[in-house]
Amino acid sequence: MWVLALDSATTACSVALWSDGEVRAHRFTVMARGQAEALMPMVKSAMDEAGVSFRDLDLLAVTVGPGAFTGLRIGLSAARGMALATGLPLVGVTTLEAVAHAVSPAERAGRTLLVVLDTKRTDVYAQLFSADLAPLGPATALLPDDLPDVVPPGPLVVAGDGVAMVSEVLAAAGSKVLRASVSGLPDAAHVARIAAARAPDGTSPPPAPLYLRPPDAQLPRQGGRVRRD
C-alpha cells in the first residue's frame, strides 16, 4: 500500500510517502506562513524521489486540526482536490494524535501522555493519551492553569510545541513531568502511518476540519454592522 500524507495545520509544512511499513520520501519545513506556495512543490518533490505517480497511490491522508485556520484549510483543500481528481480514499488525522504517535514507546512506558499545541493565544490545544496511545478524552482548548484539574495523578510525559507553556504549571501542581524528545510539531510521516492503520471501508464520510474555537479573522464591518455582501 502506498500512502501520501500532508500536513500544513500548524507552524510546519510536511509531506510523506509511506509504503510497506516505511517512509519512502519525506519533506518537512518549519514555517509560520507560506504553506499554500510550498505544499504542492513538496508533494511533487517527494513523489519524484519515491518514483511514484498518483496512479500508484492507494490512500491519501491529511491533518484535520486543531491548528491555524488558514494552514488547516490549505492542507484539507489540497487533499480533497487530490481525492476528487483521483478517486482515492482520504483519511483525516488530528494534529494532536500525530504528535502523540511521534513519542517513543520508551518515553510513554508507565506514563500518561499529554499533547499540548500552542494556539498563539493564551490557551493551548490539549489531549490526553494512555501509554499505548489510546485517547483518554476529547481534544480541547483550555488555559494552562486549568490543566492540573484534568491531568490524572501519576507520571506524565508531555509533547507538543506548547510544552514550555504548561510545564511549570504542571510541576507546581505536583505532576512528575517528562518532556518528550520529539520536535513537538505534527509531521506527515506519522500521519501516513496512522492513516495506513485505519484505511476507510468506503462508507466513511470525508474528513472535516476540527475547530475547537472560532477563527481569529473577522468579517469587515461597515457602519457598525457585519457586512453580508
Foldseek 3Di string as FASTA:
>chain_A
DWEWEWEQFAQKTKIFIDDPHDTQFIDIDGHRDDNLVVHVVRVVVRCVSSVHDLVPHAEYEYEQDDGAPVRNCSGLVVRVVSCVVNVHYYYYDHFQLLFVVVFDLVLLPFAKEKEWEDHVDQWTWIWIAHSVGHTPDDIAIDGLLCVVVPDDADEYEYAAPCCVRNVVNCVVSPHNYHYGPDPRGGYRRSRRVVCVVCPDPPPDDHDHHDDRDDHPDDADDDPNHRDDD
